[in-house]
Amino acid sequence: MKMGRGIVRGLAPTIMDPLANRAGVNQSPGLDLDQVAVMARGWSRGHPETDCGPGSRMERTDNVRRILPVWIERYQIKSLVDAGAGDLNWIKTVPMEGVHYQPFDIVVRNTAVNPIDITVQKLPLCDAILCRHVLNHLTEEQVLAALALMKRVTRYLIATTSPGAVYKSIPFGGFHDYDLRVEPFNMGEPVEVVEDCKGTWIGIWERK
C-alpha cells in the first residue's frame, strides 16, 4: 500500500471549498463553510496523538486494524477508498499489500489525503469504501445523500453502525449512534459485523 508522503504532524488543516466540483449532483445537502469549519477544529480533546478524535487513537482501533486485512483478503478487495481518512493515524499500520488505497476527507490533515465532500461528490470506482466514524457527524439528509453516492461506485461498503440503536436526528457536527440496517437508512443486514470501539460496530455490506 502506498501512503503518499506520509503523516505530517502539525500540518495546518486545509479546508476545501464545498461549493466546488459537485459532480453534477442537484438539490444536494452539501456541507457549507461553517460546517466544514466544525470538522477542521477536530475532536482531539487535547490529546497529542491525533486531531481526529478518540476513535482514531491506536488504543481505540485494535479491532478494526485486525479485521480490515481479513476482509480485504476474504472479499478479494484490490482497491480501497477511505472516505474519512483524517490524518491517517491508525490506517498507516494496516497491512494492505497489493491494495490500491486512496484516502479522502473534507479536511486535509495529511499531504496524502484528497479533499472531498462525500455528500455531493462521487468517490472513485473501487472494490470497497471504508467509512468509519464519519456518518455519525452528519445530518440524516446528508447521510442518505452520501450513501446513495457511495452505492454508485463500490461493491462493498465498510462502515460504522450500532445494531439496535434508535436513530435520533442531530445538528451537524454532533455525534449520534445509528443502525444502518433499518430506517431511515435501510441498508439491510451486513455480510459481517464486528465490535469496533466504545459501543460502535463496523460492518461490511455488499451492493446487491
Protein backbone atom coordinates (compact mmCIF):
# COMPACT_ATOMS: atom_id res chain seq x y z
CA MET A 1 0.00 0.00 0.00
CA LYS A 2 1.37 3.38 -0.97
CA MET A 3 0.67 6.10 1.59
CA GLY A 4 1.89 9.12 -0.35
CA ARG A 5 4.21 11.39 1.60
CA GLY A 6 3.19 10.13 4.99
CA ILE A 7 1.99 11.64 8.25
CA VAL A 8 2.79 15.28 8.83
CA ARG A 9 2.11 16.15 12.43
CA GLY A 10 1.27 19.80 12.96
CA LEU A 11 0.09 20.24 9.38
CA ALA A 12 -2.43 23.07 9.28
CA PRO A 13 -5.74 21.60 8.10
CA THR A 14 -6.71 22.62 4.58
CA ILE A 15 -10.42 23.28 4.08
CA MET A 16 -11.85 22.53 0.66
CA ASP A 17 -14.44 24.77 -0.95
CA PRO A 18 -17.66 22.75 -0.52
CA LEU A 19 -19.24 24.53 -3.50
CA ALA A 20 -16.62 23.26 -5.97
CA ASN A 21 -16.63 20.08 -8.06
CA ARG A 22 -20.09 18.86 -7.17
CA ALA A 23 -20.16 16.06 -9.75
CA GLY A 24 -23.41 17.23 -11.28
CA VAL A 25 -25.48 16.37 -8.20
CA ASN A 26 -28.53 18.62 -7.96
CA GLN A 27 -30.52 19.61 -4.88
CA SER A 28 -27.85 18.14 -2.63
CA PRO A 29 -27.46 18.83 1.09
CA GLY A 30 -23.74 19.55 0.76
CA LEU A 31 -21.69 20.93 3.61
CA ASP A 32 -21.38 24.69 3.91
CA LEU A 33 -18.27 26.55 5.05
CA ASP A 34 -19.44 26.80 8.65
CA GLN A 35 -19.98 23.05 8.78
CA VAL A 36 -16.59 22.33 7.27
CA ALA A 37 -15.03 24.66 9.85
CA VAL A 38 -16.53 22.45 12.58
CA MET A 39 -14.74 19.47 11.06
CA ALA A 40 -11.50 21.44 10.81
CA ARG A 41 -11.48 22.13 14.55
CA GLY A 42 -11.31 18.40 15.13
CA TRP A 43 -12.00 16.40 18.28
CA SER A 44 -8.53 15.97 19.77
CA ARG A 45 -9.65 16.99 23.27
CA GLY A 46 -6.06 17.97 23.94
CA HIS A 47 -4.67 14.54 23.10
CA PRO A 48 -1.35 14.78 21.21
CA GLU A 49 -1.72 11.62 19.12
CA THR A 50 -4.36 12.76 16.61
CA ASP A 51 -6.74 15.66 15.92
CA CYS A 52 -9.40 13.28 14.65
CA GLY A 53 -10.93 12.27 17.96
CA PRO A 54 -10.65 9.39 20.44
CA GLY A 55 -11.89 6.86 17.89
CA SER A 56 -8.80 7.44 15.76
CA ARG A 57 -6.29 6.70 18.51
CA MET A 58 -4.32 3.47 18.30
CA GLU A 59 -5.83 2.19 21.54
CA ARG A 60 -9.34 2.52 20.07
CA THR A 61 -8.60 0.88 16.72
CA ASP A 62 -7.36 -2.58 17.74
CA ASN A 63 -10.41 -4.39 16.34
CA VAL A 64 -10.69 -2.52 13.06
CA ARG A 65 -6.96 -2.89 12.43
CA ARG A 66 -7.34 -6.62 12.99
CA ILE A 67 -10.45 -7.23 10.86
CA LEU A 68 -9.68 -4.97 7.89
CA PRO A 69 -6.87 -7.16 6.45
CA VAL A 70 -9.11 -10.21 6.96
CA TRP A 71 -11.94 -8.66 4.95
CA ILE A 72 -9.54 -7.43 2.28
CA GLU A 73 -8.34 -10.99 1.70
CA ARG A 74 -11.71 -12.69 2.18
CA TYR A 75 -13.57 -10.45 -0.27
CA GLN A 76 -10.65 -10.02 -2.69
CA ILE A 77 -10.53 -6.24 -2.28
CA LYS A 78 -7.88 -4.78 -4.57
CA SER A 79 -8.89 -1.14 -4.34
CA LEU A 80 -9.96 0.60 -1.13
CA VAL A 81 -11.21 4.18 -0.85
CA ASP A 82 -11.15 5.69 2.63
CA ALA A 83 -14.00 8.21 2.96
CA GLY A 84 -12.94 9.97 6.14
CA ALA A 85 -9.23 9.21 6.33
CA GLY A 86 -8.42 12.02 8.76
CA ASP A 87 -4.69 12.26 9.39
CA LEU A 88 -4.08 8.55 8.60
CA ASN A 89 -3.07 7.97 12.22
CA TRP A 90 -4.11 4.31 12.50
CA ILE A 91 -4.69 3.20 8.92
CA LYS A 92 -0.98 3.55 8.12
CA THR A 93 -0.31 0.49 10.29
CA VAL A 94 -2.76 -1.80 8.46
CA PRO A 95 -1.06 -4.26 6.08
CA MET A 96 -2.55 -3.86 2.60
CA GLU A 97 -0.04 -5.44 0.26
CA GLY A 98 -1.25 -5.22 -3.32
CA VAL A 99 -4.20 -2.94 -2.46
CA HIS A 100 -4.64 0.43 -4.15
CA TYR A 101 -5.54 2.65 -1.18
CA GLN A 102 -6.94 6.15 -1.76
CA PRO A 103 -7.63 8.41 1.26
CA PHE A 104 -10.20 11.23 1.20
CA ASP A 105 -11.57 13.73 3.71
CA ILE A 106 -13.42 17.03 3.82
CA VAL A 107 -10.48 18.46 5.79
CA VAL A 108 -6.94 17.66 4.65
CA ARG A 109 -4.71 16.97 7.65
CA ASN A 110 -2.15 14.92 5.73
CA THR A 111 -0.50 15.63 2.39
CA ALA A 112 -1.54 12.19 1.05
CA VAL A 113 -5.26 12.86 1.62
CA ASN A 114 -7.51 14.09 -1.18
CA PRO A 115 -10.22 16.68 -0.41
CA ILE A 116 -13.86 15.69 -0.99
CA ASP A 117 -17.38 16.33 0.27
CA ILE A 118 -18.91 12.86 0.27
CA THR A 119 -22.43 14.27 0.47
CA VAL A 120 -22.20 15.78 -3.02
CA GLN A 121 -19.18 14.28 -4.77
CA LYS A 122 -18.71 10.77 -6.07
CA LEU A 123 -15.68 8.84 -4.89
CA PRO A 124 -13.56 6.89 -7.41
CA LEU A 125 -14.69 3.47 -8.59
CA CYS A 126 -13.35 0.85 -6.19
CA ASP A 127 -13.90 -2.59 -4.71
CA ALA A 128 -14.65 -1.19 -1.24
CA ILE A 129 -15.23 2.08 0.60
CA LEU A 130 -14.20 2.46 4.23
CA CYS A 131 -16.39 4.99 6.06
CA ARG A 132 -15.56 4.74 9.76
CA HIS A 133 -16.81 7.32 12.31
CA VAL A 134 -17.86 9.74 9.58
CA LEU A 135 -21.60 9.47 9.05
CA ASN A 136 -22.08 9.82 12.82
CA HIS A 137 -21.40 13.55 12.47
CA LEU A 138 -23.78 14.26 9.58
CA THR A 139 -27.47 15.07 9.44
CA GLU A 140 -29.94 12.43 8.23
CA GLU A 141 -30.27 14.13 4.85
CA GLN A 142 -26.50 14.24 4.42
CA VAL A 143 -26.05 10.58 5.43
CA LEU A 144 -28.65 9.46 2.91
CA ALA A 145 -27.01 11.54 0.17
CA ALA A 146 -23.56 10.13 0.96
CA LEU A 147 -24.81 6.53 0.98
CA ALA A 148 -26.55 6.99 -2.36
CA LEU A 149 -23.37 8.29 -3.97
CA MET A 150 -21.25 5.51 -2.48
CA LYS A 151 -23.55 2.81 -3.84
CA ARG A 152 -22.79 4.04 -7.36
CA VAL A 153 -19.07 3.40 -7.19
CA THR A 154 -18.35 0.38 -5.00
CA ARG A 155 -19.24 -3.25 -4.43
CA TYR A 156 -18.58 -3.23 -0.69
CA LEU A 157 -19.18 -0.60 1.98
CA ILE A 158 -17.32 -0.94 5.28
CA ALA A 159 -19.00 1.43 7.71
CA THR A 160 -19.73 2.23 11.33
CA THR A 161 -23.05 1.04 12.71
CA SER A 162 -24.64 0.43 16.12
CA PRO A 163 -27.05 -2.53 15.97
CA GLY A 164 -30.23 -1.80 17.86
CA ALA A 165 -29.57 1.91 18.22
CA VAL A 166 -32.61 4.16 17.99
CA TYR A 167 -31.87 6.89 15.48
CA LYS A 168 -32.18 10.48 16.67
CA SER A 169 -31.73 13.40 14.33
CA ILE A 170 -28.84 15.68 15.30
CA PRO A 171 -27.48 19.04 14.20
CA PHE A 172 -24.39 18.84 12.05
CA GLY A 173 -21.15 18.19 13.95
CA GLY A 174 -22.74 16.36 16.84
CA PHE A 175 -22.47 12.62 17.29
CA HIS A 176 -25.20 10.03 17.09
CA ASP A 177 -25.36 6.26 17.07
CA TYR A 178 -27.32 4.73 14.22
CA ASP A 179 -28.24 1.31 12.88
CA LEU A 180 -27.64 1.27 9.12
CA ARG A 181 -29.81 -1.84 8.75
CA VAL A 182 -33.08 -0.08 9.47
CA GLU A 183 -35.00 3.16 8.93
CA PRO A 184 -34.15 5.71 7.72
CA PHE A 185 -31.09 4.11 6.05
CA ASN A 186 -32.41 0.63 5.18
CA MET A 187 -29.06 -0.93 4.26
CA GLY A 188 -30.23 -4.38 5.33
CA GLU A 189 -28.06 -6.96 7.02
CA PRO A 190 -24.29 -6.68 6.57
CA VAL A 191 -22.30 -9.63 5.32
CA GLU A 192 -20.32 -9.42 8.57
CA VAL A 193 -20.22 -7.12 11.57
CA VAL A 194 -17.71 -6.91 14.42
CA GLU A 195 -17.39 -4.75 17.51
CA ASP A 196 -15.26 -1.68 16.91
CA CYS A 197 -14.90 0.60 19.92
CA LYS A 198 -16.97 2.22 22.66
CA GLY A 199 -20.39 0.95 21.66
CA THR A 200 -19.88 1.16 17.92
CA TRP A 201 -19.55 -1.70 15.47
CA ILE A 202 -18.20 -1.92 11.95
CA GLY A 203 -19.92 -3.89 9.22
CA ILE A 204 -19.32 -4.79 5.61
CA TRP A 205 -22.23 -4.55 3.18
CA GLU A 206 -22.28 -5.91 -0.37
CA ARG A 207 -24.17 -3.97 -3.02
CA LYS A 208 -27.00 -6.04 -4.44
